[in-house]
Protein backbone atom coordinates (compact mmCIF):
# COMPACT_ATOMS: atom_id res chain seq x y z
CA MET A 1 -27.01 -29.69 44.83
CA LEU A 2 -29.46 -30.11 48.16
CA ARG A 3 -30.30 -33.70 47.12
CA ARG A 4 -26.56 -34.41 46.35
CA LYS A 5 -25.88 -32.92 50.00
CA LYS A 6 -28.72 -34.99 51.49
CA GLY A 7 -27.01 -38.42 50.00
CA ALA A 8 -23.74 -37.80 51.05
CA LEU A 9 -25.12 -37.13 54.35
CA TRP A 10 -27.39 -40.54 54.57
CA LEU A 11 -24.17 -42.40 53.11
CA GLY A 12 -22.25 -41.20 56.50
CA VAL A 13 -25.18 -42.06 58.34
CA GLY A 14 -25.05 -45.54 57.16
CA LEU A 15 -21.39 -45.88 57.59
CA SER A 16 -21.61 -44.72 61.23
CA ALA A 17 -24.67 -46.99 61.93
CA PHE A 18 -22.24 -49.84 60.32
CA TYR A 19 -19.38 -49.10 62.94
CA TRP A 20 -21.85 -48.81 65.78
CA VAL A 21 -23.02 -52.34 65.15
CA ALA A 22 -19.30 -53.78 64.11
CA ASP A 23 -17.83 -52.13 67.28
CA SER A 24 -20.60 -53.57 69.19
CA VAL A 25 -19.75 -57.37 68.21
CA ILE A 26 -16.04 -56.87 68.23
CA ASP A 27 -16.34 -55.80 71.89
CA ALA A 28 -18.72 -59.10 72.82
CA VAL A 29 -16.94 -61.68 70.88
CA PHE A 30 -13.48 -60.97 71.53
CA TYR A 31 -13.38 -58.98 74.56
CA HIS A 32 -16.28 -60.69 76.08
CA GLU A 33 -17.41 -57.15 77.68
CA GLY A 34 -21.29 -57.85 77.38
CA THR A 35 -23.79 -59.54 75.26
CA ILE A 36 -24.17 -58.54 71.21
CA THR A 37 -27.58 -56.89 72.10
CA SER A 38 -26.77 -55.03 75.24
CA LEU A 39 -23.75 -53.63 73.84
CA VAL A 40 -25.92 -52.53 70.69
CA PHE A 41 -28.87 -50.63 72.44
CA SER A 42 -27.54 -50.40 76.04
CA PRO A 43 -23.92 -49.31 76.10
CA SER A 44 -21.84 -47.76 78.64
CA VAL A 45 -21.72 -44.02 78.88
CA HIS A 46 -18.01 -44.00 78.03
CA GLU A 47 -18.73 -46.57 75.21
CA ILE A 48 -21.37 -44.37 74.28
CA SER A 49 -19.24 -41.13 73.81
CA THR A 50 -16.35 -42.98 71.49
CA ARG A 51 -18.51 -44.36 69.59
CA LEU A 52 -20.40 -40.94 68.88
CA MET A 53 -17.12 -39.52 68.13
CA ALA A 54 -16.26 -41.94 66.05
CA LEU A 55 -19.40 -41.62 64.12
CA ILE A 56 -18.90 -37.97 63.59
CA LEU A 57 -15.79 -38.11 62.37
CA ILE A 58 -16.69 -40.86 59.73
CA THR A 59 -19.71 -38.76 58.80
CA SER A 60 -17.23 -35.24 58.25
CA VAL A 61 -14.86 -37.60 56.19
CA VAL A 62 -17.66 -39.13 53.94
CA TYR A 63 -19.75 -36.06 53.48
CA THR A 64 -16.42 -33.94 52.91
CA SER A 65 -15.08 -36.87 50.34
CA VAL A 66 -18.36 -36.54 48.10
CA LEU A 67 -18.26 -32.53 48.36
CA VAL A 68 -14.24 -32.88 47.17
CA TYR A 69 -15.56 -35.31 44.45
CA LYS A 70 -18.37 -33.12 43.23
CA TYR A 71 -16.29 -30.09 43.03
CA LYS A 72 -13.65 -31.80 40.73
CA LYS A 73 -16.26 -32.88 38.86
CA ALA A 74 -17.66 -29.67 38.51
CA VAL A 75 -14.16 -27.90 37.90
CA LYS A 76 -13.44 -30.72 34.92
CA THR A 77 -16.83 -29.67 33.45
CA LEU A 78 -16.16 -25.97 33.55
CA GLU A 79 -12.91 -26.21 32.42
CA LYS A 80 -14.09 -28.10 29.27
CA THR A 81 -17.10 -26.03 28.74
CA THR A 82 -14.88 -23.11 29.07
CA GLN A 83 -12.07 -24.41 26.33
CA THR A 84 -14.96 -24.95 24.14
CA LEU A 85 -16.42 -21.45 24.30
CA GLN A 86 -13.07 -20.26 24.07
CA SER A 87 -12.83 -22.17 20.68
CA ILE A 88 -15.90 -20.82 19.63
CA PHE A 89 -14.85 -17.44 20.30
CA GLN A 90 -11.53 -17.76 18.36
CA ALA A 91 -13.17 -19.60 15.46
CA SER A 92 -16.67 -17.74 15.05
CA PRO A 93 -16.65 -15.59 11.92
CA VAL A 94 -18.86 -13.54 13.77
CA ALA A 95 -17.70 -10.60 15.48
CA ILE A 96 -17.63 -11.30 19.18
CA ILE A 97 -17.20 -8.37 21.50
CA VAL A 98 -17.75 -8.71 25.83
CA LEU A 99 -18.40 -5.57 27.57
CA ASN A 100 -18.29 -4.97 31.41
CA PRO A 101 -20.92 -3.00 33.13
CA GLU A 102 -19.36 0.37 32.03
CA GLN A 103 -19.46 -0.49 28.43
CA LYS A 104 -15.66 -1.39 28.39
CA VAL A 105 -14.14 -4.09 25.95
CA ILE A 106 -12.93 -6.87 28.29
CA MET A 107 -12.74 -9.87 25.28
CA TRP A 108 -12.81 -9.07 21.46
CA SER A 109 -12.65 -12.12 19.14
CA PRO A 110 -10.27 -12.69 16.18
CA ALA A 111 -13.39 -11.98 13.82
CA ALA A 112 -14.17 -8.31 15.55
CA GLU A 113 -10.30 -7.70 14.80
CA ARG A 114 -10.32 -8.68 11.25
CA ILE A 115 -14.00 -6.72 10.53
CA PHE A 116 -13.77 -3.87 12.55
CA GLY A 117 -10.21 -3.10 11.88
CA TRP A 118 -9.01 -2.57 15.27
CA SER A 119 -6.63 -4.88 17.09
CA GLU A 120 -7.29 -6.35 20.59
CA ARG A 121 -4.33 -4.61 21.93
CA GLU A 122 -6.28 -1.48 21.00
CA VAL A 123 -9.64 -1.83 22.34
CA ILE A 124 -9.24 -4.09 25.67
CA GLY A 125 -10.21 -1.71 28.43
CA LYS A 126 -11.73 1.17 26.43
CA PHE A 127 -15.33 2.04 25.02
CA ASN A 128 -16.95 0.12 22.44
CA PRO A 129 -14.99 1.65 19.80
CA ILE A 130 -17.81 0.37 16.91
CA VAL A 131 -20.30 3.23 18.26
CA PRO A 132 -20.40 6.40 17.06
CA GLU A 133 -19.94 9.09 18.35
CA ASP A 134 -23.51 10.33 18.45
CA LYS A 135 -24.84 6.87 19.11
CA LYS A 136 -23.22 6.69 22.72
CA ASP A 137 -25.82 7.99 24.80
CA GLU A 138 -28.22 5.72 23.33
CA PHE A 139 -26.24 2.57 23.36
CA LYS A 140 -25.39 3.31 27.20
CA SER A 141 -28.83 3.25 27.78
CA PHE A 142 -29.17 -0.40 25.95
CA CYS A 143 -26.46 -1.84 28.06
CA GLU A 144 -28.25 -0.30 31.37
CA ARG A 145 -31.11 -1.98 30.31
CA ILE A 146 -29.30 -5.54 29.20
CA MET A 147 -28.08 -5.22 33.08
CA ARG A 148 -31.35 -5.06 34.00
CA GLY A 149 -32.38 -8.57 32.47
CA GLU A 150 -33.49 -7.33 29.33
CA PHE A 151 -32.50 -8.84 25.96
CA PHE A 152 -32.02 -7.39 22.54
CA SER A 153 -31.57 -8.45 19.20
CA GLY A 154 -33.46 -6.77 16.46
CA VAL A 155 -32.22 -2.90 16.96
CA GLU A 156 -28.75 -3.45 16.81
CA ILE A 157 -28.90 -5.91 14.22
CA LYS A 158 -31.13 -3.94 12.04
CA ARG A 159 -28.31 -0.84 12.54
CA GLN A 160 -26.10 -2.90 11.37
CA ARG A 161 -27.46 -4.07 8.63
CA THR A 162 -28.29 -0.44 7.65
CA ASP A 163 -25.07 0.41 8.04
CA ARG A 164 -23.81 -2.13 5.85
CA LYS A 165 -26.10 -1.49 3.02
CA ARG A 166 -25.06 1.94 3.43
CA ILE A 167 -21.41 1.10 2.58
CA GLU A 168 -22.41 -1.39 -0.29
CA GLU A 169 -24.06 1.64 -1.63
CA GLU A 170 -21.16 3.97 -1.23
CA LEU A 171 -18.88 1.21 -2.16
CA LYS A 172 -20.92 0.61 -5.55
CA LYS A 173 -20.92 4.62 -5.90
CA SER A 174 -17.38 4.91 -5.53
CA GLU A 175 -16.38 1.53 -8.08
CA GLY A 176 -18.59 3.25 -10.67
CA LYS A 177 -16.78 6.76 -10.30
CA LEU A 178 -13.58 4.50 -10.77
CA LYS A 179 -14.86 2.78 -13.38
CA ALA A 180 -16.09 5.97 -15.33
CA ILE A 181 -12.62 7.37 -14.79
CA ILE A 182 -10.86 4.77 -16.35
CA GLU A 183 -13.54 4.32 -19.31
CA THR A 184 -12.91 8.06 -19.75
CA GLU A 185 -9.16 8.35 -19.28
CA PRO A 186 -7.39 9.44 -22.20
CA GLU A 187 -4.42 7.26 -21.81
CA CYS A 188 -4.41 3.49 -22.11
CA VAL A 189 -5.01 1.44 -18.69
CA LYS A 190 -4.50 -1.77 -19.06
CA LEU A 191 -3.80 -4.97 -16.93
CA VAL A 192 -1.44 -7.45 -17.68
CA ALA A 193 -0.49 -10.92 -16.28
CA ALA A 194 2.85 -12.70 -15.87
CA ASP A 195 3.04 -14.58 -18.76
CA GLY A 196 2.36 -11.32 -20.67
CA THR A 197 -1.59 -12.19 -21.44
CA LEU A 198 -3.82 -9.27 -21.56
CA MET A 199 -6.34 -9.21 -18.86
CA GLU A 200 -8.33 -6.11 -19.26
CA MET A 201 -7.65 -2.68 -21.30
CA ASN A 202 -9.92 0.33 -21.51
CA PRO A 203 -11.64 2.03 -24.65
CA ALA A 204 -8.59 4.26 -24.98
CA GLY A 205 -5.97 1.53 -25.20
CA LEU A 206 -8.24 -0.48 -27.44
CA CYS A 207 -7.85 2.59 -29.59
CA MET A 208 -4.28 2.27 -29.67
CA ILE A 209 -4.11 -1.23 -30.71
CA GLU A 210 -6.80 -0.53 -33.14
CA ALA A 211 -9.02 -3.43 -31.32
CA ASP A 212 -13.04 -3.10 -32.16
CA SER A 213 -13.41 -4.62 -28.68
CA ILE A 214 -12.11 -5.90 -25.01
CA GLU A 215 -13.28 -9.44 -26.13
CA GLN A 216 -10.95 -9.32 -29.02
CA VAL A 217 -7.97 -9.30 -27.54
CA ARG A 218 -8.66 -10.25 -23.79
CA GLY A 219 -6.55 -13.29 -22.99
CA LYS A 220 -4.06 -12.95 -25.85
CA SER A 221 -0.49 -11.95 -25.32
CA VAL A 222 0.78 -8.27 -25.67
CA TYR A 223 3.41 -9.42 -27.36
CA GLY A 224 1.78 -10.39 -30.68
CA ILE A 225 1.94 -6.61 -31.27
CA MET A 226 4.95 -5.48 -29.90
CA ASP A 227 8.22 -4.98 -32.55
CA PRO A 228 10.34 -8.12 -31.68
CA GLU A 229 13.25 -5.63 -30.54
CA PHE A 230 11.37 -4.91 -27.35
CA CYS A 231 9.85 -7.84 -26.22
CA GLU A 232 12.76 -8.98 -24.12
CA GLN A 233 12.48 -5.57 -22.66
CA PHE A 234 8.75 -5.70 -21.84
CA LYS A 235 8.99 -9.27 -20.72
CA GLN A 236 12.24 -7.69 -17.89
CA LEU A 237 9.29 -5.12 -17.06
CA ILE A 238 6.98 -7.51 -16.30
CA GLU A 239 9.17 -9.86 -14.09
CA ASP A 240 10.33 -6.54 -12.28
CA VAL A 241 6.91 -5.58 -11.46
CA PHE A 242 5.90 -8.97 -9.97
CA LYS A 243 8.94 -8.15 -7.80
CA GLY A 244 7.14 -5.25 -6.35
CA ASP A 245 9.29 -2.68 -8.68
CA SER A 246 7.86 0.13 -10.82
CA ARG A 247 8.76 0.38 -14.25
CA SER A 248 8.68 2.66 -17.43
CA LEU A 249 9.57 1.44 -20.94
CA GLU A 250 9.38 3.02 -24.25
CA PHE A 251 8.39 0.66 -27.53
CA LYS A 252 6.71 0.44 -30.82
CA ILE A 253 3.68 -1.77 -32.00
CA THR A 254 1.91 -2.41 -34.87
CA GLY A 255 -1.86 -2.04 -34.43
CA LEU A 256 -4.46 -4.64 -35.58
CA LYS A 257 -4.93 -3.02 -38.55
CA GLY A 258 -1.69 -2.06 -39.48
CA THR A 259 -1.05 1.37 -38.03
CA GLN A 260 2.74 1.81 -36.20
CA ARG A 261 2.80 3.78 -32.88
CA TRP A 262 5.26 4.58 -30.43
CA LEU A 263 4.10 3.87 -26.74
CA ASP A 264 5.36 4.49 -23.50
CA THR A 265 4.28 2.62 -20.73
CA HIS A 266 4.74 3.34 -16.55
CA ALA A 267 3.86 -0.25 -14.74
CA VAL A 268 2.96 -0.68 -11.08
CA PRO A 269 2.08 -4.02 -8.83
CA PHE A 270 -1.86 -4.70 -8.83
CA ARG A 271 -2.59 -6.44 -5.54
CA SER A 272 -5.36 -8.55 -4.52
CA ALA A 273 -7.06 -7.97 -1.03
CA GLU A 274 -4.49 -10.00 0.33
CA GLY A 275 -1.76 -7.54 -0.81
CA GLU A 276 -0.38 -10.49 -3.35
CA ILE A 277 0.74 -9.52 -6.59
CA ILE A 278 -1.68 -10.56 -9.20
CA ALA A 279 -1.00 -8.49 -12.24
CA VAL A 280 0.73 -5.89 -13.68
CA LEU A 281 -1.47 -2.11 -13.91
CA ALA A 282 0.17 -0.04 -16.62
CA ILE A 283 -0.87 3.19 -17.86
CA THR A 284 0.47 3.92 -21.36
CA ARG A 285 0.35 6.74 -23.67
CA ASP A 286 0.66 7.36 -27.66
CA THR A 287 3.90 9.13 -28.05
CA THR A 288 3.91 9.01 -31.69
CA GLU A 289 3.54 12.53 -32.75
CA ARG A 290 6.40 13.48 -30.02
CA LYS A 291 8.78 11.02 -31.86
CA LYS A 292 7.82 12.51 -35.26
CA MET A 293 8.54 16.24 -33.90
CA GLU A 294 11.82 14.74 -32.05
CA GLU A 295 12.84 13.33 -35.62
CA GLN A 296 11.89 16.29 -37.36
CA ILE A 297 13.60 18.52 -34.69
CA PHE A 298 16.96 16.27 -35.18
CA GLN A 299 16.40 16.43 -38.91
CA ILE A 300 16.22 20.19 -38.75
CA GLN A 301 18.82 20.62 -36.49
CA HIS A 302 21.07 18.19 -38.46
CA ASP A 303 20.33 20.66 -41.71
CA TRP A 304 20.65 23.56 -39.69
CA GLU A 305 24.48 22.28 -38.67
CA ASP A 306 25.36 21.52 -42.32
CA THR A 307 24.69 25.01 -43.84
CA PHE A 308 26.12 26.42 -40.60
CA ASN A 309 29.37 24.62 -41.46
CA ILE A 310 29.24 25.08 -45.04
CA ILE A 311 29.23 28.62 -45.12
CA THR A 312 32.61 30.42 -45.69
CA ASP A 313 32.01 33.58 -44.06
CA MET A 314 33.16 33.27 -40.30
CA ILE A 315 29.85 32.75 -37.86
CA THR A 316 30.15 32.52 -34.04
CA VAL A 317 27.82 32.90 -31.42
CA HIS A 318 28.28 34.83 -28.43
CA ASP A 319 26.71 35.56 -25.06
CA LYS A 320 26.25 39.18 -23.31
CA ASP A 321 29.64 38.54 -21.75
CA PHE A 322 31.44 38.21 -25.17
CA ASN A 323 32.32 34.46 -25.06
CA ILE A 324 31.79 32.64 -28.25
CA ILE A 325 29.89 29.49 -27.15
CA HIS A 326 29.41 28.03 -30.98
CA ALA A 327 31.18 28.65 -34.28
CA ASN A 328 31.11 26.92 -37.70
CA LYS A 329 33.98 25.55 -39.53
CA ALA A 330 35.30 28.43 -40.98
CA ALA A 331 35.54 30.10 -37.68
CA GLU A 332 37.23 27.59 -35.99
CA LYS A 333 40.17 26.98 -38.86
CA ILE A 334 40.40 30.93 -39.47
CA LEU A 335 40.81 31.80 -35.71
CA GLY A 336 42.20 28.52 -34.46
CA LEU A 337 39.26 28.50 -31.58
CA PRO A 338 39.33 25.37 -29.04
CA ILE A 339 37.14 23.14 -28.37
CA LEU A 340 34.16 25.54 -27.14
CA PRO A 341 32.03 23.48 -24.53
CA GLY A 342 32.83 24.35 -20.89
CA LYS A 343 35.61 26.51 -21.93
CA LYS A 344 35.35 30.20 -22.12
CA ALA A 345 36.53 31.82 -25.55
CA LYS A 346 36.16 35.92 -25.61
CA CYS A 347 35.69 36.89 -29.24
CA TYR A 348 37.75 39.87 -28.82
CA LYS A 349 40.97 37.94 -28.24
CA TYR A 350 40.40 35.42 -31.20
CA TYR A 351 39.25 38.34 -33.62
CA HIS A 352 41.27 41.04 -32.73
CA GLY A 353 44.14 40.25 -30.29
CA THR A 354 43.24 41.96 -27.56
CA GLU A 355 42.15 41.85 -24.01
CA CYS A 356 39.03 44.00 -24.05
CA PRO A 357 36.70 44.83 -27.20
CA PRO A 358 38.06 47.44 -29.61
CA GLU A 359 36.74 50.65 -30.29
CA GLY A 360 33.66 51.15 -32.35
CA CYS A 361 33.23 47.39 -32.09
CA PRO A 362 29.50 46.65 -33.65
CA SER A 363 28.62 43.79 -31.09
CA CYS A 364 28.88 46.48 -28.45
CA GLN A 365 26.67 48.28 -30.26
CA THR A 366 24.18 45.39 -30.60
CA LEU A 367 24.46 44.65 -27.02
CA LYS A 368 23.65 48.25 -25.73
CA THR A 369 20.99 48.91 -28.68
CA GLY A 370 19.39 45.76 -28.97
CA LYS A 371 19.62 46.22 -32.67
CA SER A 372 21.62 44.81 -35.37
CA ALA A 373 25.03 46.62 -36.54
CA ILE A 374 27.49 46.58 -39.37
CA SER A 375 31.14 47.69 -39.79
CA GLU A 376 34.13 47.43 -42.32
CA ILE A 377 37.68 47.55 -40.90
CA PHE A 378 41.16 46.37 -41.76
CA GLU A 379 42.05 43.87 -39.23
CA PRO A 380 45.74 43.57 -38.36
CA HIS A 381 45.89 40.36 -36.29
CA LEU A 382 43.79 38.70 -39.05
CA ASN A 383 45.58 41.08 -41.83
CA LYS A 384 42.66 40.90 -43.57
CA PHE A 385 40.11 43.42 -44.56
CA ILE A 386 36.89 42.37 -43.10
CA GLU A 387 33.26 43.46 -42.57
CA ILE A 388 31.31 42.71 -39.56
CA ARG A 389 27.69 42.29 -38.94
CA ALA A 390 26.30 41.62 -35.37
CA ILE A 391 22.81 40.51 -35.01
CA PRO A 392 21.18 40.67 -31.61
CA ARG A 393 19.41 37.04 -30.11
CA PHE A 394 16.46 37.19 -27.98
CA ASP A 395 14.93 34.28 -25.68
CA SER A 396 11.25 33.52 -25.67
CA ASN A 397 10.54 36.33 -23.73
CA ASN A 398 12.19 38.94 -26.02
CA ASN A 399 15.10 39.63 -23.56
CA LEU A 400 18.32 39.99 -25.13
CA ILE A 401 20.67 36.79 -24.49
CA GLY A 402 23.53 37.83 -26.65
CA LEU A 403 24.18 38.14 -30.56
CA ILE A 404 25.27 36.22 -33.74
CA HIS A 405 28.43 37.37 -35.08
CA VAL A 406 29.28 37.45 -39.14
CA VAL A 407 32.35 38.30 -40.55
CA ARG A 408 33.02 38.15 -44.43
CA ASP A 409 36.85 38.41 -45.82
CA ILE A 410 36.59 41.50 -48.06
CA THR A 411 40.39 42.11 -48.70
């Protein structure tokens, strides 16, 4: 910089000397004020003062012009360097954090945002957030030593590597635990691609479809073991899940060894680290036994209804308030009962034609004692001699909830 200043000064001096000689020549040739030699070496006092003022002005202008030129050139170089550094700062895959002397963040690179999770807006003007609370004093000490001109790299890099190793080990442990949970899960856990191709399945699922190993079924379509009537429904399930919805479906399959099963599946989107849906994650349970039980219950109920309705005695089921809640065909016909669901039909009104239970009613006795009761009477309302048998009804906690009323015509 000093050399540049001297160069500019000597350029000004050279131009000034040239001006001195040129002015002497002009005065001698055009104004005949004397010889060139006398005007150059022995000018008048007025001439000397005039030339000196001009020389000072020329030197100042030249010197200033050179400095301005050098300054503009330096500014352009600085701008170019700044742009280059800014590009490196923005594009660097390594986190770059710039701190002020108080250890507060003044620059936070996109890589730092991506790696550590805090946005630039969250950290600017705050203490470096990646420093643990118990390491702040140590970090401040390092920063103070750096401000004094010391240089560090190994200590911090070593800690970062140690932390990363610890995180990797914890991640491996978590993955191991998750894998163990999935492997031992009694329900089927599977991943299915958009085209219905099986990607992964746990041992419980392989057992359900009677596969010996995942290699036997990986990459094959799930529709191959599914009953045809459910294929379109399962395709719709996959389509809905890839739109971001959750879906459930009960369907029937025939395993690879011929066993038929009913399965109930609940499916949700399985996303990549970027949030893209890449598969269907389905949890499926075997509902074959439940289906069999439902069928047995239906059959038992159907058989009970048939038996209930072919009995010629009038049979009605009552609650504790004397309401008839169920009746067989014989009772409906003889008593002229309305359709019962949702309606209240008092037993004494239809059996006795009264607005309250009659004297000696066996139903009243059963509701009071919780034991069966029986009586024979002539009922004018029905114009029949009848035998009335009241049998108590209990819930699962042995609480009395009503009775079964059986009336036989003994006329």
